[in-house]
Amino acid sequence: MHETNENPIGQGTPPGRRKRPLPGVDPSNTPEGAGPILESIQKNMGAIPTIYRIMAHAPAVLEASQKTSRALNHGLSARLKEIAYIRASAINLCEY
């Protein structure tokens, strides 16, 4: 098998390189457009999970994530939602 230094999307971190976590946005100092979304998440969940604080670096991504979440919550059964989350994690080689 031929090894390369290429890292195609979805193939994880190349050998020998450590992942560098992107720090989450401070909820008191957010990019324009992210503040109201983070406030809504805080109100609904009681906290702001790190993934949403990271997505807040790109408010359009955070907004799209919330729209997708609302659509899933209104259109799918709990069983189908769980299957979708597990499948997406497997496709993206998530380690958690």
PDB file of N, CA and C in Angstrom:
ATOM      1  N   MET A   1       0.832  -1.175   0.000  1.00  0.00           N
ATOM      2  CA  MET A   1       0.000   0.000   0.000  1.00  0.00           C
ATOM      3  C   MET A   1       0.876   1.237   0.000  1.00  0.00           C
ATOM      4  N   HIS A   2       0.529   2.213  -0.800  1.00  0.00           N
ATOM      5  CA  HIS A   2       1.304   3.441  -0.949  1.00  0.00           C
ATOM      6  C   HIS A   2       0.847   4.481   0.061  1.00  0.00           C
ATOM      7  N   GLU A   3       1.788   4.995   0.874  1.00  0.00           N
ATOM      8  CA  GLU A   3       1.445   6.028   1.855  1.00  0.00           C
ATOM      9  C   GLU A   3       1.696   7.395   1.256  1.00  0.00           C
ATOM     10  N   THR A   4       0.799   8.346   1.583  1.00  0.00           N
ATOM     11  CA  THR A   4       0.984   9.725   1.137  1.00  0.00           C
ATOM     12  C   THR A   4       0.802  10.646   2.334  1.00  0.00           C
ATOM     13  N   ASN A   5       1.180  11.885   2.147  1.00  0.00           N
ATOM     14  CA  ASN A   5       0.968  12.897   3.176  1.00  0.00           C
ATOM     15  C   ASN A   5      -0.365  13.601   2.993  1.00  0.00           C
ATOM     16  N   GLU A   6      -1.127  13.213   1.990  1.00  0.00           N
ATOM     17  CA  GLU A   6      -2.409  13.838   1.747  1.00  0.00           C
ATOM     18  C   GLU A   6      -3.377  13.491   2.872  1.00  0.00           C
ATOM     19  N   ASN A   7      -4.307  14.392   3.124  1.00  0.00           N
ATOM     20  CA  ASN A   7      -5.301  14.178   4.167  1.00  0.00           C
ATOM     21  C   ASN A   7      -6.678  14.505   3.593  1.00  0.00           C
ATOM     22  N   PRO A   8      -7.269  13.558   2.848  1.00  0.00           N
ATOM     23  CA  PRO A   8      -8.582  13.826   2.278  1.00  0.00           C
ATOM     24  C   PRO A   8      -9.599  14.107   3.373  1.00  0.00           C
ATOM     25  N   ILE A   9     -10.564  14.936   3.055  1.00  0.00           N
ATOM     26  CA  ILE A   9     -11.617  15.259   4.021  1.00  0.00           C
ATOM     27  C   ILE A   9     -12.232  13.966   4.535  1.00  0.00           C
ATOM     28  N   GLY A  10     -12.428  13.909   5.854  1.00  0.00           N
ATOM     29  CA  GLY A  10     -13.038  12.743   6.469  1.00  0.00           C
ATOM     30  C   GLY A  10     -12.067  11.618   6.795  1.00  0.00           C
ATOM     31  N   GLN A  11     -10.778  11.838   6.597  1.00  0.00           N
ATOM     32  CA  GLN A  11      -9.812  10.773   6.839  1.00  0.00           C
ATOM     33  C   GLN A  11      -9.032  10.954   8.130  1.00  0.00           C
ATOM     34  N   GLY A  12      -9.440  11.897   8.986  1.00  0.00           N
ATOM     35  CA  GLY A  12      -8.797  12.048  10.287  1.00  0.00           C
ATOM     36  C   GLY A  12      -7.511  12.837  10.214  1.00  0.00           C
ATOM     37  N   THR A  13      -6.791  12.847  11.315  1.00  0.00           N
ATOM     38  CA  THR A  13      -5.533  13.577  11.431  1.00  0.00           C
ATOM     39  C   THR A  13      -4.400  12.716  10.887  1.00  0.00           C
ATOM     40  N   PRO A  14      -3.516  13.302  10.068  1.00  0.00           N
ATOM     41  CA  PRO A  14      -2.398  12.513   9.539  1.00  0.00           C
ATOM     42  C   PRO A  14      -1.524  11.977  10.664  1.00  0.00           C
ATOM     43  N   PRO A  15      -0.886  10.816  10.457  1.00  0.00           N
ATOM     44  CA  PRO A  15       0.003  10.250  11.477  1.00  0.00           C
ATOM     45  C   PRO A  15       1.091  11.252  11.860  1.00  0.00           C
ATOM     46  N   GLY A  16       1.403  11.300  13.151  1.00  0.00           N
ATOM     47  CA  GLY A  16       2.457  12.180  13.613  1.00  0.00           C
ATOM     48  C   GLY A  16       2.017  13.604  13.884  1.00  0.00           C
ATOM     49  N   ARG A  17       0.766  13.941  13.599  1.00  0.00           N
ATOM     50  CA  ARG A  17       0.281  15.298  13.840  1.00  0.00           C
ATOM     51  C   ARG A  17      -0.810  15.254  14.897  1.00  0.00           C
ATOM     52  N   ARG A  18      -0.746  16.155  15.832  1.00  0.00           N
ATOM     53  CA  ARG A  18      -1.757  16.229  16.879  1.00  0.00           C
ATOM     54  C   ARG A  18      -2.847  17.199  16.454  1.00  0.00           C
ATOM     55  N   LYS A  19      -4.056  16.880  16.846  1.00  0.00           N
ATOM     56  CA  LYS A  19      -5.154  17.792  16.597  1.00  0.00           C
ATOM     57  C   LYS A  19      -4.989  19.009  17.504  1.00  0.00           C
ATOM     58  N   ARG A  20      -5.216  20.171  16.961  1.00  0.00           N
ATOM     59  CA  ARG A  20      -5.172  21.390  17.755  1.00  0.00           C
ATOM     60  C   ARG A  20      -6.592  21.897  17.892  1.00  0.00           C
ATOM     61  N   PRO A  21      -7.142  21.863  19.102  1.00  0.00           N
ATOM     62  CA  PRO A  21      -8.522  22.293  19.264  1.00  0.00           C
ATOM     63  C   PRO A  21      -8.682  23.789  19.020  1.00  0.00           C
ATOM     64  N   LEU A  22      -9.755  24.133  18.358  1.00  0.00           N
ATOM     65  CA  LEU A  22     -10.114  25.526  18.148  1.00  0.00           C
ATOM     66  C   LEU A  22     -10.852  25.987  19.393  1.00  0.00           C
ATOM     67  N   PRO A  23     -10.420  27.057  20.020  1.00  0.00           N
ATOM     68  CA  PRO A  23     -11.121  27.491  21.231  1.00  0.00           C
ATOM     69  C   PRO A  23     -12.519  27.997  20.895  1.00  0.00           C
ATOM     70  N   GLY A  24     -13.426  27.783  21.806  1.00  0.00           N
ATOM     71  CA  GLY A  24     -14.776  28.267  21.616  1.00  0.00           C
ATOM     72  C   GLY A  24     -14.862  29.764  21.822  1.00  0.00           C
ATOM     73  N   VAL A  25     -15.873  30.354  21.231  1.00  0.00           N
ATOM     74  CA  VAL A  25     -16.114  31.787  21.368  1.00  0.00           C
ATOM     75  C   VAL A  25     -16.572  32.089  22.792  1.00  0.00           C
ATOM     76  N   ASP A  26     -16.089  33.181  23.354  1.00  0.00           N
ATOM     77  CA  ASP A  26     -16.559  33.651  24.651  1.00  0.00           C
ATOM     78  C   ASP A  26     -17.969  34.220  24.442  1.00  0.00           C
ATOM     79  N   PRO A  27     -18.971  33.666  25.115  1.00  0.00           N
ATOM     80  CA  PRO A  27     -20.352  34.125  24.901  1.00  0.00           C
ATOM     81  C   PRO A  27     -20.561  35.615  25.159  1.00  0.00           C
ATOM     82  N   SER A  28     -19.680  36.255  25.931  1.00  0.00           N
ATOM     83  CA  SER A  28     -19.833  37.690  26.180  1.00  0.00           C
ATOM     84  C   SER A  28     -19.204  38.542  25.076  1.00  0.00           C
ATOM     85  N   ASN A  29     -18.509  37.903  24.134  1.00  0.00           N
ATOM     86  CA  ASN A  29     -17.842  38.633  23.050  1.00  0.00           C
ATOM     87  C   ASN A  29     -17.930  37.804  21.766  1.00  0.00           C
ATOM     88  N   THR A  30     -19.108  37.807  21.146  1.00  0.00           N
ATOM     89  CA  THR A  30     -19.345  36.943  19.996  1.00  0.00           C
ATOM     90  C   THR A  30     -19.282  37.697  18.675  1.00  0.00           C
ATOM     91  N   PRO A  31     -18.976  36.983  17.588  1.00  0.00           N
ATOM     92  CA  PRO A  31     -19.057  37.607  16.268  1.00  0.00           C
ATOM     93  C   PRO A  31     -20.500  38.027  15.984  1.00  0.00           C
ATOM     94  N   GLU A  32     -20.650  39.030  15.146  1.00  0.00           N
ATOM     95  CA  GLU A  32     -21.988  39.528  14.799  1.00  0.00           C
ATOM     96  C   GLU A  32     -22.881  38.393  14.299  1.00  0.00           C
ATOM     97  N   GLY A  33     -24.060  38.293  14.876  1.00  0.00           N
ATOM     98  CA  GLY A  33     -25.032  37.286  14.472  1.00  0.00           C
ATOM     99  C   GLY A  33     -25.034  36.042  15.338  1.00  0.00           C
ATOM    100  N   ALA A  34     -23.946  35.789  16.065  1.00  0.00           N
ATOM    101  CA  ALA A  34     -23.866  34.575  16.873  1.00  0.00           C
ATOM    102  C   ALA A  34     -24.484  34.747  18.254  1.00  0.00           C
ATOM    103  N   GLY A  35     -24.468  35.956  18.788  1.00  0.00           N
ATOM    104  CA  GLY A  35     -24.936  36.208  20.147  1.00  0.00           C
ATOM    105  C   GLY A  35     -26.353  35.731  20.423  1.00  0.00           C
ATOM    106  N   PRO A  36     -27.333  36.147  19.621  1.00  0.00           N
ATOM    107  CA  PRO A  36     -28.705  35.708  19.875  1.00  0.00           C
ATOM    108  C   PRO A  36     -28.885  34.191  19.783  1.00  0.00           C
ATOM    109  N   ILE A  37     -28.138  33.551  18.899  1.00  0.00           N
ATOM    110  CA  ILE A  37     -28.249  32.092  18.754  1.00  0.00           C
ATOM    111  C   ILE A  37     -27.681  31.411  20.001  1.00  0.00           C
ATOM    112  N   LEU A  38     -26.521  31.876  20.467  1.00  0.00           N
ATOM    113  CA  LEU A  38     -25.929  31.299  21.673  1.00  0.00           C
ATOM    114  C   LEU A  38     -26.825  31.539  22.893  1.00  0.00           C
ATOM    115  N   GLU A  39     -27.451  32.710  22.962  1.00  0.00           N
ATOM    116  CA  GLU A  39     -28.376  32.994  24.066  1.00  0.00           C
ATOM    117  C   GLU A  39     -29.551  32.022  24.050  1.00  0.00           C
ATOM    118  N   SER A  40     -30.061  31.733  22.860  1.00  0.00           N
ATOM    119  CA  SER A  40     -31.168  30.784  22.724  1.00  0.00           C
ATOM    120  C   SER A  40     -30.740  29.378  23.165  1.00  0.00           C
ATOM    121  N   ILE A  41     -29.537  28.980  22.770  1.00  0.00           N
ATOM    122  CA  ILE A  41     -29.015  27.665  23.171  1.00  0.00           C
ATOM    123  C   ILE A  41     -28.878  27.619  24.687  1.00  0.00           C
ATOM    124  N   GLN A  42     -28.333  28.687  25.275  1.00  0.00           N
ATOM    125  CA  GLN A  42     -28.176  28.762  26.738  1.00  0.00           C
ATOM    126  C   GLN A  42     -29.535  28.626  27.425  1.00  0.00           C
ATOM    127  N   LYS A  43     -30.524  29.316  26.906  1.00  0.00           N
ATOM    128  CA  LYS A  43     -31.860  29.282  27.498  1.00  0.00           C
ATOM    129  C   LYS A  43     -32.474  27.885  27.401  1.00  0.00           C
ATOM    130  N   ASN A  44     -32.338  27.250  26.234  1.00  0.00           N
ATOM    131  CA  ASN A  44     -32.961  25.944  26.006  1.00  0.00           C
ATOM    132  C   ASN A  44     -32.226  24.782  26.657  1.00  0.00           C
ATOM    133  N   MET A  45     -30.897  24.872  26.748  1.00  0.00           N
ATOM    134  CA  MET A  45     -30.111  23.751  27.252  1.00  0.00           C
ATOM    135  C   MET A  45     -29.550  23.980  28.651  1.00  0.00           C
ATOM    136  N   GLY A  46     -29.579  25.220  29.111  1.00  0.00           N
ATOM    137  CA  GLY A  46     -29.024  25.534  30.420  1.00  0.00           C
ATOM    138  C   GLY A  46     -27.524  25.769  30.392  1.00  0.00           C
ATOM    139  N   ALA A  47     -26.895  25.557  29.254  1.00  0.00           N
ATOM    140  CA  ALA A  47     -25.461  25.760  29.057  1.00  0.00           C
ATOM    141  C   ALA A  47     -25.217  25.838  27.552  1.00  0.00           C
ATOM    142  N   ILE A  48     -24.028  26.245  27.176  1.00  0.00           N
ATOM    143  CA  ILE A  48     -23.665  26.279  25.755  1.00  0.00           C
ATOM    144  C   ILE A  48     -22.586  25.228  25.536  1.00  0.00           C
ATOM    145  N   PRO A  49     -22.944  24.090  24.926  1.00  0.00           N
ATOM    146  CA  PRO A  49     -21.935  23.059  24.652  1.00  0.00           C
ATOM    147  C   PRO A  49     -20.793  23.608  23.788  1.00  0.00           C
ATOM    148  N   THR A  50     -19.629  23.070  23.998  1.00  0.00           N
ATOM    149  CA  THR A  50     -18.424  23.526  23.298  1.00  0.00           C
ATOM    150  C   THR A  50     -18.599  23.533  21.783  1.00  0.00           C
ATOM    151  N   ILE A  51     -19.259  22.538  21.227  1.00  0.00           N
ATOM    152  CA  ILE A  51     -19.411  22.483  19.765  1.00  0.00           C
ATOM    153  C   ILE A  51     -20.096  23.737  19.224  1.00  0.00           C
ATOM    154  N   TYR A  52     -21.088  24.256  19.957  1.00  0.00           N
ATOM    155  CA  TYR A  52     -21.785  25.464  19.511  1.00  0.00           C
ATOM    156  C   TYR A  52     -20.916  26.701  19.696  1.00  0.00           C
ATOM    157  N   ARG A  53     -20.107  26.721  20.751  1.00  0.00           N
ATOM    158  CA  ARG A  53     -19.186  27.845  20.943  1.00  0.00           C
ATOM    159  C   ARG A  53     -18.133  27.866  19.836  1.00  0.00           C
ATOM    160  N   ILE A  54     -17.742  26.706  19.364  1.00  0.00           N
ATOM    161  CA  ILE A  54     -16.782  26.640  18.257  1.00  0.00           C
ATOM    162  C   ILE A  54     -17.452  27.069  16.951  1.00  0.00           C
ATOM    163  N   MET A  55     -18.671  26.578  16.720  1.00  0.00           N
ATOM    164  CA  MET A  55     -19.386  26.972  15.501  1.00  0.00           C
ATOM    165  C   MET A  55     -19.664  28.468  15.457  1.00  0.00           C
ATOM    166  N   ALA A  56     -19.702  29.116  16.620  1.00  0.00           N
ATOM    167  CA  ALA A  56     -19.980  30.546  16.673  1.00  0.00           C
ATOM    168  C   ALA A  56     -18.905  31.380  15.981  1.00  0.00           C
ATOM    169  N   HIS A  57     -17.726  30.801  15.715  1.00  0.00           N
ATOM    170  CA  HIS A  57     -16.704  31.509  14.935  1.00  0.00           C
ATOM    171  C   HIS A  57     -17.240  31.832  13.542  1.00  0.00           C
ATOM    172  N   ALA A  58     -18.169  31.008  13.070  1.00  0.00           N
ATOM    173  CA  ALA A  58     -18.807  31.212  11.763  1.00  0.00           C
ATOM    174  C   ALA A  58     -20.320  31.233  12.003  1.00  0.00           C
ATOM    175  N   PRO A  59     -20.886  32.403  12.304  1.00  0.00           N
ATOM    176  CA  PRO A  59     -22.299  32.480  12.656  1.00  0.00           C
ATOM    177  C   PRO A  59     -23.238  31.815  11.653  1.00  0.00           C
ATOM    178  N   ALA A  60     -22.907  31.842  10.383  1.00  0.00           N
ATOM    179  CA  ALA A  60     -23.766  31.183   9.382  1.00  0.00           C
ATOM    180  C   ALA A  60     -23.797  29.676   9.596  1.00  0.00           C
ATOM    181  N   VAL A  61     -22.683  29.095  10.021  1.00  0.00           N
ATOM    182  CA  VAL A  61     -22.622  27.659  10.310  1.00  0.00           C
ATOM    183  C   VAL A  61     -23.450  27.349  11.550  1.00  0.00           C
ATOM    184  N   LEU A  62     -23.316  28.184  12.577  1.00  0.00           N
ATOM    185  CA  LEU A  62     -24.088  28.007  13.799  1.00  0.00           C
ATOM    186  C   LEU A  62     -25.588  28.089  13.497  1.00  0.00           C
ATOM    187  N   GLU A  63     -25.976  29.070  12.697  1.00  0.00           N
ATOM    188  CA  GLU A  63     -27.392  29.226  12.343  1.00  0.00           C
ATOM    189  C   GLU A  63     -27.892  28.019  11.549  1.00  0.00           C
ATOM    190  N   ALA A  64     -27.106  27.555  10.589  1.00  0.00           N
ATOM    191  CA  ALA A  64     -27.503  26.385   9.791  1.00  0.00           C
ATOM    192  C   ALA A  64     -27.636  25.151  10.668  1.00  0.00           C
ATOM    193  N   SER A  65     -26.740  25.004  11.629  1.00  0.00           N
ATOM    194  CA  SER A  65     -26.804  23.871  12.551  1.00  0.00           C
ATOM    195  C   SER A  65     -28.105  23.899  13.343  1.00  0.00           C
ATOM    196  N   GLN A  66     -28.483  25.072  13.816  1.00  0.00           N
ATOM    197  CA  GLN A  66     -29.710  25.196  14.600  1.00  0.00           C
ATOM    198  C   GLN A  66     -30.953  24.943  13.749  1.00  0.00           C
ATOM    199  N   LYS A  67     -30.937  25.414  12.506  1.00  0.00           N
ATOM    200  CA  LYS A  67     -32.064  25.151  11.603  1.00  0.00           C
ATOM    201  C   LYS A  67     -32.185  23.655  11.321  1.00  0.00           C
ATOM    202  N   THR A  68     -31.054  22.998  11.110  1.00  0.00           N
ATOM    203  CA  THR A  68     -31.062  21.553  10.870  1.00  0.00           C
ATOM    204  C   THR A  68     -31.587  20.813  12.096  1.00  0.00           C
ATOM    205  N   SER A  69     -31.140  21.222  13.255  1.00  0.00           N
ATOM    206  CA  SER A  69     -31.579  20.591  14.496  1.00  0.00           C
ATOM    207  C   SER A  69     -33.088  20.745  14.674  1.00  0.00           C
ATOM    208  N   ARG A  70     -33.601  21.948  14.423  1.00  0.00           N
ATOM    209  CA  ARG A  70     -35.053  22.163  14.541  1.00  0.00           C
ATOM    210  C   ARG A  70     -35.810  21.298  13.551  1.00  0.00           C
ATOM    211  N   ALA A  71     -35.309  21.186  12.331  1.00  0.00           N
ATOM    212  CA  ALA A  71     -35.981  20.358  11.318  1.00  0.00           C
ATOM    213  C   ALA A  71     -35.996  18.898  11.742  1.00  0.00           C
ATOM    214  N   LEU A  72     -34.888  18.398  12.274  1.00  0.00           N
ATOM    215  CA  LEU A  72     -34.837  17.011  12.725  1.00  0.00           C
ATOM    216  C   LEU A  72     -35.778  16.774  13.897  1.00  0.00           C
ATOM    217  N   ASN A  73     -35.846  17.734  14.795  1.00  0.00           N
ATOM    218  CA  ASN A  73     -36.703  17.578  15.964  1.00  0.00           C
ATOM    219  C   ASN A  73     -38.188  17.584  15.614  1.00  0.00           C
ATOM    220  N   HIS A  74     -38.549  18.190  14.509  1.00  0.00           N
ATOM    221  CA  HIS A  74     -39.960  18.257  14.131  1.00  0.00           C
ATOM    222  C   HIS A  74     -40.355  17.202  13.115  1.00  0.00           C
ATOM    223  N   GLY A  75     -39.390  16.600  12.445  1.00  0.00           N
ATOM    224  CA  GLY A  75     -39.741  15.713  11.351  1.00  0.00           C
ATOM    225  C   GLY A  75     -39.416  14.244  11.529  1.00  0.00           C
ATOM    226  N   LEU A  76     -38.646  13.890  12.534  1.00  0.00           N
ATOM    227  CA  LEU A  76     -38.228  12.501  12.681  1.00  0.00           C
ATOM    228  C   LEU A  76     -38.552  11.969  14.072  1.00  0.00           C
ATOM    229  N   SER A  77     -38.785  10.687  14.141  1.00  0.00           N
ATOM    230  CA  SER A  77     -38.976  10.036  15.438  1.00  0.00           C
ATOM    231  C   SER A  77     -37.630   9.999  16.170  1.00  0.00           C
ATOM    232  N   ALA A  78     -37.676   9.779  17.470  1.00  0.00           N
ATOM    233  CA  ALA A  78     -36.450   9.698  18.270  1.00  0.00           C
ATOM    234  C   ALA A  78     -35.523   8.606  17.732  1.00  0.00           C
ATOM    235  N   ARG A  79     -36.094   7.488  17.316  1.00  0.00           N
ATOM    236  CA  ARG A  79     -35.297   6.368  16.789  1.00  0.00           C
ATOM    237  C   ARG A  79     -34.560   6.769  15.507  1.00  0.00           C
ATOM    238  N   LEU A  80     -35.274   7.417  14.576  1.00  0.00           N
ATOM    239  CA  LEU A  80     -34.648   7.820  13.316  1.00  0.00           C
ATOM    240  C   LEU A  80     -33.599   8.913  13.534  1.00  0.00           C
ATOM    241  N   LYS A  81     -33.837   9.824  14.479  1.00  0.00           N
ATOM    242  CA  LYS A  81     -32.834  10.850  14.785  1.00  0.00           C
ATOM    243  C   LYS A  81     -31.547  10.202  15.277  1.00  0.00           C
ATOM    244  N   GLU A  82     -31.673   9.233  16.181  1.00  0.00           N
ATOM    245  CA  GLU A  82     -30.493   8.569  16.717  1.00  0.00           C
ATOM    246  C   GLU A  82     -29.742   7.828  15.612  1.00  0.00           C
ATOM    247  N   ILE A  83     -30.462   7.175  14.731  1.00  0.00           N
ATOM    248  CA  ILE A  83     -29.823   6.489  13.598  1.00  0.00           C
ATOM    249  C   ILE A  83     -29.078   7.490  12.728  1.00  0.00           C
ATOM    250  N   ALA A  84     -29.697   8.648  12.463  1.00  0.00           N
ATOM    251  CA  ALA A  84     -29.053   9.674  11.634  1.00  0.00           C
ATOM    252  C   ALA A  84     -27.772  10.186  12.293  1.00  0.00           C
ATOM    253  N   TYR A  85     -27.815  10.458  13.606  1.00  0.00           N
ATOM    254  CA  TYR A  85     -26.624  10.945  14.310  1.00  0.00           C
ATOM    255  C   TYR A  85     -25.511   9.901  14.302  1.00  0.00           C
ATOM    256  N   ILE A  86     -25.857   8.657  14.561  1.00  0.00           N
ATOM    257  CA  ILE A  86     -24.845   7.600  14.583  1.00  0.00           C
ATOM    258  C   ILE A  86     -24.231   7.410  13.199  1.00  0.00           C
ATOM    259  N   ARG A  87     -25.063   7.420  12.177  1.00  0.00           N
ATOM    260  CA  ARG A  87     -24.567   7.233  10.799  1.00  0.00           C
ATOM    261  C   ARG A  87     -23.656   8.390  10.390  1.00  0.00           C
ATOM    262  N   ALA A  88     -24.070   9.617  10.711  1.00  0.00           N
ATOM    263  CA  ALA A  88     -23.237  10.772  10.370  1.00  0.00           C
ATOM    264  C   ALA A  88     -21.890  10.696  11.087  1.00  0.00           C
ATOM    265  N   SER A  89     -21.897  10.260  12.343  1.00  0.00           N
ATOM    266  CA  SER A  89     -20.644  10.108  13.085  1.00  0.00           C
ATOM    267  C   SER A  89     -19.749   9.054  12.442  1.00  0.00           C
ATOM    268  N   ALA A  90     -20.340   7.954  12.017  1.00  0.00           N
ATOM    269  CA  ALA A  90     -19.557   6.888  11.375  1.00  0.00           C
ATOM    270  C   ALA A  90     -18.974   7.365  10.050  1.00  0.00           C
ATOM    271  N   ILE A  91     -19.770   8.051   9.260  1.00  0.00           N
ATOM    272  CA  ILE A  91     -19.304   8.548   7.960  1.00  0.00           C
ATOM    273  C   ILE A  91     -18.140   9.509   8.137  1.00  0.00           C
ATOM    274  N   ASN A  92     -18.215  10.338   9.170  1.00  0.00           N
ATOM    275  CA  ASN A  92     -17.185  11.349   9.410  1.00  0.00           C
ATOM    276  C   ASN A  92     -16.038  10.873  10.299  1.00  0.00           C
ATOM    277  N   LEU A  93     -16.013   9.566  10.584  1.00  0.00           N
ATOM    278  CA  LEU A  93     -14.953   8.946  11.378  1.00  0.00           C
ATOM    279  C   LEU A  93     -14.768   9.622  12.727  1.00  0.00           C
ATOM    280  N   CYS A  94     -15.886  10.011  13.357  1.00  0.00           N
ATOM    281  CA  CYS A  94     -15.820  10.620  14.682  1.00  0.00           C
ATOM    282  C   CYS A  94     -15.256   9.618  15.692  1.00  0.00           C
ATOM    283  N   GLU A  95     -14.443  10.111  16.594  1.00  0.00           N
ATOM    284  CA  GLU A  95     -13.817   9.255  17.586  1.00  0.00           C
ATOM    285  C   GLU A  95     -14.600   9.222  18.884  1.00  0.00           C
ATOM    286  N   TYR A  96     -15.761   9.819  18.934  1.00  0.00           N
ATOM    287  CA  TYR A  96     -16.553   9.823  20.154  1.00  0.00           C
ATOM    288  C   TYR A  96     -17.920   9.241  19.900  1.00  0.00           C
TER     289      TYR A  96
END
